[in-house]
Amino acid sequence: MLNGERYLTDDETSKALKVSRRTLQEYRNNGVIPYYVLGGKILYRESDLEALLQRCYHPATKSAE
């Protein structure tokens, strides 16, 4: 944690989002997901991941009966 913000590694992020590390690389290359590079290590800010999930959220349009 830094300034109250949690940062996740590539491995932690891929597990949390249930995507491969290669998919994360594609997200970085295509500007889908913001990231930091520190000493050759890629880090993702947890709040950025939450914002990404909120932007990509599509609510159900049909009620389950």
N, C-alpha and C. Protein backbone atom coordinates (compact mmCIF):
# COMPACT_ATOMS: atom_id res chain seq x y z
N MET A 1 0.85 -1.18 0.00
CA MET A 1 0.00 0.00 0.00
C MET A 1 0.89 1.24 0.00
N LEU A 2 0.43 2.23 -0.72
CA LEU A 2 1.12 3.50 -0.79
C LEU A 2 0.06 4.60 -0.81
N ASN A 3 0.12 5.49 0.16
CA ASN A 3 -0.88 6.55 0.30
C ASN A 3 -2.30 5.98 0.36
N GLY A 4 -2.45 4.86 1.03
CA GLY A 4 -3.77 4.25 1.18
C GLY A 4 -4.26 3.52 -0.05
N GLU A 5 -3.44 3.42 -1.06
CA GLU A 5 -3.82 2.77 -2.33
C GLU A 5 -3.09 1.44 -2.43
N ARG A 6 -3.82 0.39 -2.82
CA ARG A 6 -3.22 -0.93 -2.99
C ARG A 6 -2.83 -1.14 -4.45
N TYR A 7 -1.65 -1.70 -4.65
CA TYR A 7 -1.15 -2.00 -5.99
C TYR A 7 -0.99 -3.51 -6.13
N LEU A 8 -1.42 -4.02 -7.28
CA LEU A 8 -1.37 -5.46 -7.54
C LEU A 8 -0.34 -5.78 -8.61
N THR A 9 0.28 -6.93 -8.47
CA THR A 9 1.23 -7.39 -9.48
C THR A 9 0.47 -7.94 -10.69
N ASP A 10 1.20 -8.25 -11.71
CA ASP A 10 0.63 -8.85 -12.92
C ASP A 10 -0.09 -10.15 -12.58
N ASP A 11 0.55 -10.97 -11.78
CA ASP A 11 -0.01 -12.27 -11.40
C ASP A 11 -1.28 -12.09 -10.57
N GLU A 12 -1.25 -11.21 -9.58
CA GLU A 12 -2.43 -10.96 -8.75
C GLU A 12 -3.59 -10.42 -9.57
N THR A 13 -3.27 -9.53 -10.50
CA THR A 13 -4.31 -8.92 -11.34
C THR A 13 -4.94 -9.95 -12.27
N SER A 14 -4.11 -10.79 -12.88
CA SER A 14 -4.65 -11.80 -13.79
C SER A 14 -5.56 -12.77 -13.04
N LYS A 15 -5.20 -13.12 -11.81
CA LYS A 15 -6.05 -14.01 -11.02
C LYS A 15 -7.34 -13.31 -10.60
N ALA A 16 -7.24 -12.05 -10.21
CA ALA A 16 -8.42 -11.30 -9.77
C ALA A 16 -9.43 -11.12 -10.91
N LEU A 17 -8.92 -10.84 -12.12
CA LEU A 17 -9.80 -10.62 -13.27
C LEU A 17 -10.11 -11.91 -14.01
N LYS A 18 -9.45 -12.99 -13.62
CA LYS A 18 -9.62 -14.30 -14.26
C LYS A 18 -9.32 -14.24 -15.76
N VAL A 19 -8.18 -13.61 -16.06
CA VAL A 19 -7.67 -13.55 -17.43
C VAL A 19 -6.20 -13.95 -17.40
N SER A 20 -5.68 -14.32 -18.55
CA SER A 20 -4.27 -14.71 -18.61
C SER A 20 -3.38 -13.47 -18.54
N ARG A 21 -2.12 -13.70 -18.23
CA ARG A 21 -1.16 -12.59 -18.20
C ARG A 21 -0.96 -12.04 -19.61
N ARG A 22 -1.11 -12.87 -20.61
CA ARG A 22 -1.02 -12.42 -22.01
C ARG A 22 -2.18 -11.47 -22.32
N THR A 23 -3.36 -11.76 -21.81
CA THR A 23 -4.51 -10.88 -22.01
C THR A 23 -4.25 -9.54 -21.34
N LEU A 24 -3.66 -9.55 -20.15
CA LEU A 24 -3.30 -8.29 -19.48
C LEU A 24 -2.34 -7.48 -20.35
N GLN A 25 -1.39 -8.16 -20.98
CA GLN A 25 -0.46 -7.47 -21.86
C GLN A 25 -1.20 -6.82 -23.02
N GLU A 26 -2.17 -7.52 -23.58
CA GLU A 26 -2.98 -6.95 -24.66
C GLU A 26 -3.77 -5.73 -24.15
N TYR A 27 -4.32 -5.83 -22.95
CA TYR A 27 -5.03 -4.69 -22.35
C TYR A 27 -4.10 -3.49 -22.22
N ARG A 28 -2.86 -3.73 -21.77
CA ARG A 28 -1.88 -2.64 -21.66
C ARG A 28 -1.55 -2.06 -23.03
N ASN A 29 -1.28 -2.93 -23.99
CA ASN A 29 -0.90 -2.48 -25.33
C ASN A 29 -2.01 -1.67 -25.99
N ASN A 30 -3.27 -2.03 -25.71
CA ASN A 30 -4.41 -1.36 -26.33
C ASN A 30 -4.95 -0.21 -25.49
N GLY A 31 -4.31 0.08 -24.37
CA GLY A 31 -4.73 1.20 -23.53
C GLY A 31 -6.01 0.95 -22.76
N VAL A 32 -6.37 -0.30 -22.58
CA VAL A 32 -7.60 -0.66 -21.87
C VAL A 32 -7.42 -0.48 -20.36
N ILE A 33 -6.24 -0.79 -19.88
CA ILE A 33 -5.99 -0.81 -18.44
C ILE A 33 -4.73 0.01 -18.12
N PRO A 34 -4.83 0.96 -17.17
CA PRO A 34 -3.65 1.74 -16.80
C PRO A 34 -2.71 0.91 -15.91
N TYR A 35 -1.43 1.21 -15.97
CA TYR A 35 -0.45 0.45 -15.20
C TYR A 35 0.78 1.30 -14.92
N TYR A 36 1.59 0.81 -14.00
CA TYR A 36 2.86 1.44 -13.65
C TYR A 36 3.97 0.44 -13.88
N VAL A 37 5.14 0.92 -14.25
CA VAL A 37 6.31 0.07 -14.35
C VAL A 37 7.32 0.60 -13.34
N LEU A 38 7.68 -0.25 -12.40
CA LEU A 38 8.61 0.14 -11.35
C LEU A 38 9.69 -0.92 -11.26
N GLY A 39 10.89 -0.56 -11.64
CA GLY A 39 12.00 -1.52 -11.59
C GLY A 39 11.76 -2.74 -12.44
N GLY A 40 11.11 -2.56 -13.58
CA GLY A 40 10.83 -3.68 -14.47
C GLY A 40 9.61 -4.50 -14.08
N LYS A 41 8.98 -4.15 -12.96
CA LYS A 41 7.79 -4.87 -12.51
C LYS A 41 6.55 -4.05 -12.85
N ILE A 42 5.53 -4.71 -13.35
CA ILE A 42 4.30 -4.03 -13.73
C ILE A 42 3.33 -4.09 -12.56
N LEU A 43 2.76 -2.93 -12.22
CA LEU A 43 1.81 -2.84 -11.12
C LEU A 43 0.53 -2.17 -11.59
N TYR A 44 -0.57 -2.61 -11.00
CA TYR A 44 -1.88 -2.06 -11.32
C TYR A 44 -2.49 -1.51 -10.04
N ARG A 45 -3.02 -0.30 -10.11
CA ARG A 45 -3.67 0.30 -8.95
C ARG A 45 -5.07 -0.31 -8.82
N GLU A 46 -5.39 -0.77 -7.63
CA GLU A 46 -6.66 -1.45 -7.39
C GLU A 46 -7.85 -0.58 -7.77
N SER A 47 -7.79 0.70 -7.47
CA SER A 47 -8.91 1.59 -7.80
C SER A 47 -9.09 1.72 -9.31
N ASP A 48 -8.00 1.63 -10.08
CA ASP A 48 -8.11 1.65 -11.55
C ASP A 48 -8.82 0.41 -12.06
N LEU A 49 -8.54 -0.73 -11.43
CA LEU A 49 -9.20 -1.98 -11.83
C LEU A 49 -10.69 -1.91 -11.51
N GLU A 50 -11.03 -1.38 -10.35
CA GLU A 50 -12.44 -1.23 -9.98
C GLU A 50 -13.16 -0.30 -10.95
N ALA A 51 -12.51 0.78 -11.35
CA ALA A 51 -13.10 1.72 -12.30
C ALA A 51 -13.31 1.05 -13.66
N LEU A 52 -12.36 0.23 -14.08
CA LEU A 52 -12.48 -0.51 -15.34
C LEU A 52 -13.69 -1.43 -15.30
N LEU A 53 -13.85 -2.15 -14.20
CA LEU A 53 -14.98 -3.05 -14.06
C LEU A 53 -16.30 -2.29 -14.08
N GLN A 54 -16.34 -1.13 -13.45
CA GLN A 54 -17.56 -0.32 -13.45
C GLN A 54 -17.90 0.16 -14.86
N ARG A 55 -16.89 0.58 -15.62
CA ARG A 55 -17.11 1.05 -17.00
C ARG A 55 -17.62 -0.08 -17.89
N CYS A 56 -17.17 -1.29 -17.63
CA CYS A 56 -17.51 -2.42 -18.48
C CYS A 56 -18.78 -3.15 -18.03
N TYR A 57 -19.37 -2.68 -16.96
CA TYR A 57 -20.56 -3.35 -16.40
C TYR A 57 -21.78 -3.12 -17.28
N HIS A 58 -22.48 -4.20 -17.57
CA HIS A 58 -23.72 -4.15 -18.33
C HIS A 58 -24.80 -4.81 -17.48
N PRO A 59 -25.75 -4.05 -16.97
CA PRO A 59 -26.79 -4.65 -16.13
C PRO A 59 -27.71 -5.56 -16.94
N ALA A 60 -28.31 -6.47 -16.24
CA ALA A 60 -29.26 -7.38 -16.89
C ALA A 60 -30.47 -6.59 -17.37
N THR A 61 -30.95 -6.91 -18.54
CA THR A 61 -32.09 -6.21 -19.10
C THR A 61 -33.39 -6.99 -18.94
N LYS A 62 -33.27 -8.24 -18.57
CA LYS A 62 -34.44 -9.09 -18.42
C LYS A 62 -34.50 -9.56 -16.96
N SER A 63 -35.64 -9.50 -16.36
CA SER A 63 -35.76 -9.95 -14.98
C SER A 63 -35.87 -11.47 -14.94
N ALA A 64 -35.25 -12.06 -13.94
CA ALA A 64 -35.32 -13.51 -13.77
C ALA A 64 -36.59 -13.85 -13.01
N GLU A 65 -37.41 -14.66 -13.61
CA GLU A 65 -38.69 -15.04 -12.96
C GLU A 65 -38.76 -16.51 -12.76
